[in-house]
Amino acid sequence: MGTDLSQDKIAANWDWALKTELPQHEVFLPSYRISRFMVTNEQWAFFLQQSDWRWADRNRLWRGGLPRGKEKHPIVWVTWYDAQAFCKWAGVYLPTEAEWDVTAGNNLTLRRY
């Protein structure tokens, strides 16, 4: 994981890459499972209804309630804390950066031992 700054000229010009992407290192992952589908607006609405979670962007996006015709669309405008609360409520966990990168196929080499 991490960025090869000799290969990524854009990242090489940003301080954040120096602080967060170095040094490159190998990560070994145990077996894990990840959902195939994103959380939908409908699922998010059910979570909000069943929990005491206060979603900061509710009034900005859903002034009139869950948008009609968008029930099966992925939820947007959620923070990491929002997602973490949903996962805790649902009995699952957020994938780590490494799990997400492998699942998304972000040009990582998978080695099986």
N, C-alpha and C. Protein backbone atom coordinates (compact mmCIF):
# COMPACT_ATOMS: atom_id res chain seq x y z
N MET A 1 0.85 -1.17 0.00
CA MET A 1 0.00 0.00 0.00
C MET A 1 0.89 1.23 0.00
N GLY A 2 0.31 2.33 -0.35
CA GLY A 2 1.05 3.57 -0.42
C GLY A 2 1.28 3.95 -1.87
N THR A 3 1.91 5.08 -2.07
CA THR A 3 2.11 5.61 -3.41
C THR A 3 3.58 5.59 -3.78
N ASP A 4 3.87 5.18 -4.99
CA ASP A 4 5.22 5.28 -5.52
C ASP A 4 5.32 6.67 -6.15
N LEU A 5 5.95 7.59 -5.44
CA LEU A 5 5.99 8.98 -5.89
C LEU A 5 6.81 9.16 -7.17
N SER A 6 7.65 8.20 -7.48
CA SER A 6 8.39 8.28 -8.75
C SER A 6 7.47 7.97 -9.94
N GLN A 7 6.38 7.24 -9.68
CA GLN A 7 5.42 6.88 -10.72
C GLN A 7 4.22 7.82 -10.76
N ASP A 8 3.89 8.40 -9.62
CA ASP A 8 2.72 9.28 -9.52
C ASP A 8 3.18 10.71 -9.36
N LYS A 9 3.37 11.39 -10.47
CA LYS A 9 3.91 12.75 -10.45
C LYS A 9 2.95 13.75 -9.83
N ILE A 10 1.66 13.49 -9.93
CA ILE A 10 0.69 14.40 -9.32
C ILE A 10 0.78 14.31 -7.80
N ALA A 11 0.76 13.09 -7.27
CA ALA A 11 0.86 12.92 -5.82
C ALA A 11 2.18 13.45 -5.29
N ALA A 12 3.24 13.32 -6.08
CA ALA A 12 4.57 13.77 -5.65
C ALA A 12 4.60 15.26 -5.36
N ASN A 13 3.67 16.02 -5.93
CA ASN A 13 3.64 17.46 -5.73
C ASN A 13 2.72 17.90 -4.59
N TRP A 14 2.16 16.95 -3.87
CA TRP A 14 1.24 17.29 -2.78
C TRP A 14 1.81 16.85 -1.44
N ASP A 15 1.76 17.74 -0.47
CA ASP A 15 2.25 17.42 0.88
C ASP A 15 1.50 16.25 1.50
N TRP A 16 0.19 16.12 1.21
CA TRP A 16 -0.58 15.05 1.82
C TRP A 16 -0.01 13.69 1.46
N ALA A 17 0.49 13.55 0.24
CA ALA A 17 1.05 12.26 -0.18
C ALA A 17 2.30 11.93 0.65
N LEU A 18 3.10 12.92 0.91
CA LEU A 18 4.30 12.70 1.73
C LEU A 18 3.93 12.29 3.14
N LYS A 19 2.81 12.82 3.64
CA LYS A 19 2.39 12.53 5.02
C LYS A 19 1.59 11.24 5.16
N THR A 20 0.84 10.88 4.11
CA THR A 20 -0.09 9.75 4.28
C THR A 20 0.19 8.54 3.39
N GLU A 21 0.98 8.69 2.36
CA GLU A 21 1.17 7.60 1.40
C GLU A 21 2.53 6.92 1.48
N LEU A 22 3.35 7.34 2.40
CA LEU A 22 4.69 6.77 2.53
C LEU A 22 4.89 6.19 3.92
N PRO A 23 5.71 5.21 4.09
CA PRO A 23 6.38 4.46 3.04
C PRO A 23 5.45 3.41 2.44
N GLN A 24 5.74 3.00 1.23
CA GLN A 24 4.99 1.90 0.65
C GLN A 24 5.28 0.65 1.46
N HIS A 25 4.28 -0.20 1.59
CA HIS A 25 4.45 -1.40 2.40
C HIS A 25 3.45 -2.47 1.97
N GLU A 26 3.77 -3.72 2.29
CA GLU A 26 2.87 -4.82 2.00
C GLU A 26 1.87 -4.96 3.13
N VAL A 27 0.66 -5.33 2.78
CA VAL A 27 -0.39 -5.58 3.76
C VAL A 27 -0.92 -6.99 3.50
N PHE A 28 -1.03 -7.75 4.55
CA PHE A 28 -1.56 -9.11 4.45
C PHE A 28 -2.96 -9.11 5.04
N LEU A 29 -3.91 -9.58 4.26
CA LEU A 29 -5.31 -9.58 4.70
C LEU A 29 -5.80 -11.00 4.95
N PRO A 30 -6.50 -11.18 6.06
CA PRO A 30 -7.18 -12.46 6.25
C PRO A 30 -8.40 -12.49 5.33
N SER A 31 -9.05 -13.62 5.23
CA SER A 31 -10.29 -13.69 4.44
C SER A 31 -11.31 -12.73 5.03
N TYR A 32 -12.11 -12.13 4.17
CA TYR A 32 -13.16 -11.22 4.63
C TYR A 32 -14.30 -11.25 3.63
N ARG A 33 -15.43 -10.74 4.06
CA ARG A 33 -16.60 -10.64 3.20
C ARG A 33 -16.98 -9.17 3.11
N ILE A 34 -17.49 -8.80 1.95
CA ILE A 34 -17.90 -7.41 1.75
C ILE A 34 -19.20 -7.42 0.94
N SER A 35 -20.06 -6.49 1.24
CA SER A 35 -21.33 -6.42 0.53
C SER A 35 -21.10 -6.11 -0.94
N ARG A 36 -21.90 -6.68 -1.77
CA ARG A 36 -21.81 -6.45 -3.20
C ARG A 36 -22.51 -5.15 -3.61
N PHE A 37 -23.42 -4.69 -2.76
CA PHE A 37 -24.23 -3.53 -3.11
C PHE A 37 -24.05 -2.41 -2.10
N MET A 38 -24.19 -1.19 -2.58
CA MET A 38 -24.11 -0.02 -1.70
C MET A 38 -25.39 0.11 -0.90
N VAL A 39 -25.32 0.86 0.19
CA VAL A 39 -26.50 1.14 1.01
C VAL A 39 -27.41 2.08 0.23
N THR A 40 -28.68 1.73 0.15
CA THR A 40 -29.64 2.53 -0.62
C THR A 40 -30.28 3.61 0.26
N ASN A 41 -30.91 4.57 -0.40
CA ASN A 41 -31.66 5.59 0.32
C ASN A 41 -32.73 4.95 1.20
N GLU A 42 -33.38 3.91 0.68
CA GLU A 42 -34.42 3.22 1.42
C GLU A 42 -33.86 2.57 2.70
N GLN A 43 -32.72 1.93 2.58
CA GLN A 43 -32.08 1.32 3.76
C GLN A 43 -31.65 2.38 4.76
N TRP A 44 -31.12 3.48 4.23
CA TRP A 44 -30.69 4.58 5.11
C TRP A 44 -31.88 5.17 5.85
N ALA A 45 -32.99 5.35 5.16
CA ALA A 45 -34.20 5.88 5.79
C ALA A 45 -34.67 4.95 6.90
N PHE A 46 -34.62 3.65 6.67
CA PHE A 46 -35.03 2.68 7.69
C PHE A 46 -34.10 2.76 8.90
N PHE A 47 -32.80 2.87 8.65
CA PHE A 47 -31.83 3.04 9.73
C PHE A 47 -32.16 4.28 10.56
N LEU A 48 -32.42 5.40 9.90
CA LEU A 48 -32.73 6.64 10.62
C LEU A 48 -34.01 6.49 11.43
N GLN A 49 -34.99 5.80 10.88
CA GLN A 49 -36.27 5.58 11.56
C GLN A 49 -36.10 4.68 12.79
N GLN A 50 -35.23 3.69 12.70
CA GLN A 50 -35.07 2.70 13.77
C GLN A 50 -34.01 3.06 14.81
N SER A 51 -33.23 4.07 14.54
CA SER A 51 -32.15 4.44 15.46
C SER A 51 -32.34 5.87 15.93
N ASP A 52 -31.48 6.30 16.80
CA ASP A 52 -31.54 7.69 17.26
C ASP A 52 -30.45 8.53 16.58
N TRP A 53 -29.94 8.04 15.44
CA TRP A 53 -28.85 8.74 14.76
C TRP A 53 -29.35 10.05 14.17
N ARG A 54 -28.60 11.11 14.41
CA ARG A 54 -28.94 12.43 13.87
C ARG A 54 -28.05 12.71 12.67
N TRP A 55 -28.64 12.62 11.50
CA TRP A 55 -27.91 12.83 10.25
C TRP A 55 -27.88 14.31 9.94
N ALA A 56 -26.70 14.89 9.93
CA ALA A 56 -26.55 16.33 9.76
C ALA A 56 -27.11 16.85 8.43
N ASP A 57 -27.05 16.05 7.37
CA ASP A 57 -27.48 16.52 6.05
C ASP A 57 -28.92 16.15 5.70
N ARG A 58 -29.67 15.63 6.65
CA ARG A 58 -31.04 15.21 6.37
C ARG A 58 -31.89 16.35 5.80
N ASN A 59 -31.86 17.49 6.46
CA ASN A 59 -32.70 18.61 6.00
C ASN A 59 -32.20 19.22 4.70
N ARG A 60 -30.93 19.10 4.45
CA ARG A 60 -30.38 19.63 3.20
C ARG A 60 -30.83 18.80 2.01
N LEU A 61 -30.85 17.47 2.18
CA LEU A 61 -31.13 16.59 1.05
C LEU A 61 -32.56 16.05 1.02
N TRP A 62 -33.13 15.83 2.19
CA TRP A 62 -34.43 15.18 2.26
C TRP A 62 -35.46 16.07 2.94
N ARG A 63 -35.55 17.31 2.55
CA ARG A 63 -36.51 18.23 3.18
C ARG A 63 -37.93 17.68 3.15
N GLY A 64 -38.28 17.06 2.03
CA GLY A 64 -39.62 16.50 1.89
C GLY A 64 -39.67 15.01 2.15
N GLY A 65 -38.66 14.48 2.82
CA GLY A 65 -38.60 13.05 3.06
C GLY A 65 -37.77 12.35 1.99
N LEU A 66 -37.82 11.04 2.03
CA LEU A 66 -37.08 10.22 1.07
C LEU A 66 -37.51 10.60 -0.36
N PRO A 67 -36.56 10.96 -1.23
CA PRO A 67 -36.92 11.39 -2.59
C PRO A 67 -37.61 10.28 -3.38
N ARG A 68 -38.78 10.60 -3.92
CA ARG A 68 -39.53 9.62 -4.72
C ARG A 68 -38.73 9.21 -5.95
N GLY A 69 -38.77 7.91 -6.23
CA GLY A 69 -38.06 7.40 -7.39
C GLY A 69 -36.57 7.17 -7.14
N LYS A 70 -36.09 7.53 -5.98
CA LYS A 70 -34.67 7.38 -5.67
C LYS A 70 -34.45 6.38 -4.52
N GLU A 71 -35.48 5.61 -4.20
CA GLU A 71 -35.39 4.69 -3.06
C GLU A 71 -34.26 3.68 -3.20
N LYS A 72 -34.02 3.21 -4.40
CA LYS A 72 -33.00 2.17 -4.63
C LYS A 72 -31.63 2.75 -5.00
N HIS A 73 -31.54 4.07 -5.06
CA HIS A 73 -30.26 4.72 -5.37
C HIS A 73 -29.36 4.68 -4.14
N PRO A 74 -28.04 4.68 -4.34
CA PRO A 74 -27.13 4.70 -3.19
C PRO A 74 -27.27 5.99 -2.39
N ILE A 75 -27.14 5.87 -1.09
CA ILE A 75 -27.18 7.05 -0.23
C ILE A 75 -25.93 7.89 -0.49
N VAL A 76 -26.08 9.20 -0.43
CA VAL A 76 -24.97 10.12 -0.61
C VAL A 76 -24.92 11.09 0.57
N TRP A 77 -23.86 11.85 0.65
CA TRP A 77 -23.69 12.86 1.68
C TRP A 77 -23.68 12.26 3.09
N VAL A 78 -23.00 11.16 3.25
CA VAL A 78 -22.81 10.61 4.59
C VAL A 78 -21.34 10.72 4.95
N THR A 79 -21.08 11.00 6.19
CA THR A 79 -19.70 11.08 6.67
C THR A 79 -19.22 9.69 7.06
N TRP A 80 -17.94 9.60 7.39
CA TRP A 80 -17.39 8.35 7.90
C TRP A 80 -18.12 7.96 9.18
N TYR A 81 -18.43 8.95 10.02
CA TYR A 81 -19.15 8.68 11.27
C TYR A 81 -20.56 8.17 11.01
N ASP A 82 -21.23 8.73 10.00
CA ASP A 82 -22.55 8.24 9.61
C ASP A 82 -22.46 6.77 9.17
N ALA A 83 -21.51 6.49 8.30
CA ALA A 83 -21.34 5.12 7.79
C ALA A 83 -21.00 4.16 8.92
N GLN A 84 -20.16 4.61 9.84
CA GLN A 84 -19.78 3.78 10.97
C GLN A 84 -21.00 3.46 11.84
N ALA A 85 -21.85 4.46 12.06
CA ALA A 85 -23.06 4.26 12.86
C ALA A 85 -24.01 3.28 12.17
N PHE A 86 -24.16 3.42 10.86
CA PHE A 86 -25.01 2.49 10.11
C PHE A 86 -24.49 1.06 10.25
N CYS A 87 -23.19 0.89 10.05
CA CYS A 87 -22.60 -0.45 10.12
C CYS A 87 -22.77 -1.07 11.50
N LYS A 88 -22.56 -0.27 12.53
CA LYS A 88 -22.74 -0.79 13.89
C LYS A 88 -24.19 -1.24 14.09
N TRP A 89 -25.11 -0.43 13.64
CA TRP A 89 -26.54 -0.74 13.76
C TRP A 89 -26.88 -2.02 12.97
N ALA A 90 -26.29 -2.17 11.79
CA ALA A 90 -26.58 -3.31 10.93
C ALA A 90 -25.80 -4.57 11.31
N GLY A 91 -24.85 -4.44 12.25
CA GLY A 91 -24.08 -5.61 12.68
C GLY A 91 -22.98 -6.00 11.72
N VAL A 92 -22.47 -5.03 10.97
CA VAL A 92 -21.38 -5.27 10.04
C VAL A 92 -20.28 -4.24 10.34
N TYR A 93 -19.23 -4.23 9.55
CA TYR A 93 -18.18 -3.24 9.76
C TYR A 93 -17.78 -2.62 8.44
N LEU A 94 -17.24 -1.41 8.52
CA LEU A 94 -16.72 -0.76 7.32
C LEU A 94 -15.43 -1.46 6.90
N PRO A 95 -15.24 -1.66 5.61
CA PRO A 95 -14.00 -2.27 5.18
C PRO A 95 -12.82 -1.34 5.46
N THR A 96 -11.67 -1.95 5.70
CA THR A 96 -10.46 -1.15 5.85
C THR A 96 -10.06 -0.62 4.48
N GLU A 97 -9.12 0.30 4.46
CA GLU A 97 -8.63 0.82 3.18
C GLU A 97 -8.09 -0.32 2.31
N ALA A 98 -7.35 -1.22 2.92
CA ALA A 98 -6.78 -2.35 2.17
C ALA A 98 -7.88 -3.25 1.62
N GLU A 99 -8.89 -3.55 2.42
CA GLU A 99 -9.99 -4.40 1.95
C GLU A 99 -10.73 -3.72 0.80
N TRP A 100 -10.96 -2.43 0.93
CA TRP A 100 -11.65 -1.70 -0.12
C TRP A 100 -10.82 -1.69 -1.40
N ASP A 101 -9.53 -1.43 -1.29
CA ASP A 101 -8.67 -1.39 -2.47
C ASP A 101 -8.65 -2.72 -3.19
N VAL A 102 -8.53 -3.81 -2.45
CA VAL A 102 -8.52 -5.14 -3.06
C VAL A 102 -9.86 -5.41 -3.73
N THR A 103 -10.94 -5.12 -3.04
CA THR A 103 -12.27 -5.37 -3.57
C THR A 103 -12.55 -4.53 -4.81
N ALA A 104 -12.10 -3.29 -4.79
CA ALA A 104 -12.32 -2.39 -5.92
C ALA A 104 -11.37 -2.67 -7.08
N GLY A 105 -10.37 -3.52 -6.84
CA GLY A 105 -9.42 -3.86 -7.90
C GLY A 105 -8.49 -2.73 -8.26
N ASN A 106 -8.04 -2.00 -7.26
CA ASN A 106 -7.19 -0.83 -7.50
C ASN A 106 -5.74 -1.20 -7.82
N ASN A 107 -5.56 -2.01 -8.85
CA ASN A 107 -4.23 -2.39 -9.34
C ASN A 107 -3.31 -2.96 -8.27
N LEU A 108 -3.88 -3.72 -7.36
CA LEU A 108 -3.07 -4.36 -6.34
C LEU A 108 -2.77 -5.80 -6.74
N THR A 109 -1.65 -6.27 -6.34
CA THR A 109 -1.27 -7.65 -6.61
C THR A 109 -1.72 -8.50 -5.43
N LEU A 110 -2.50 -9.51 -5.70
CA LEU A 110 -2.94 -10.42 -4.66
C LEU A 110 -2.04 -11.64 -4.67
N ARG A 111 -1.51 -11.95 -3.52
CA ARG A 111 -0.69 -13.15 -3.40
C ARG A 111 -1.41 -14.09 -2.45
N ARG A 112 -1.51 -15.31 -2.84
CA ARG A 112 -2.13 -16.31 -1.97
C ARG A 112 -1.02 -17.17 -1.38
N TYR A 113 -1.10 -17.39 -0.09
CA TYR A 113 -0.08 -18.19 0.61
C TYR A 113 -0.66 -19.46 1.11
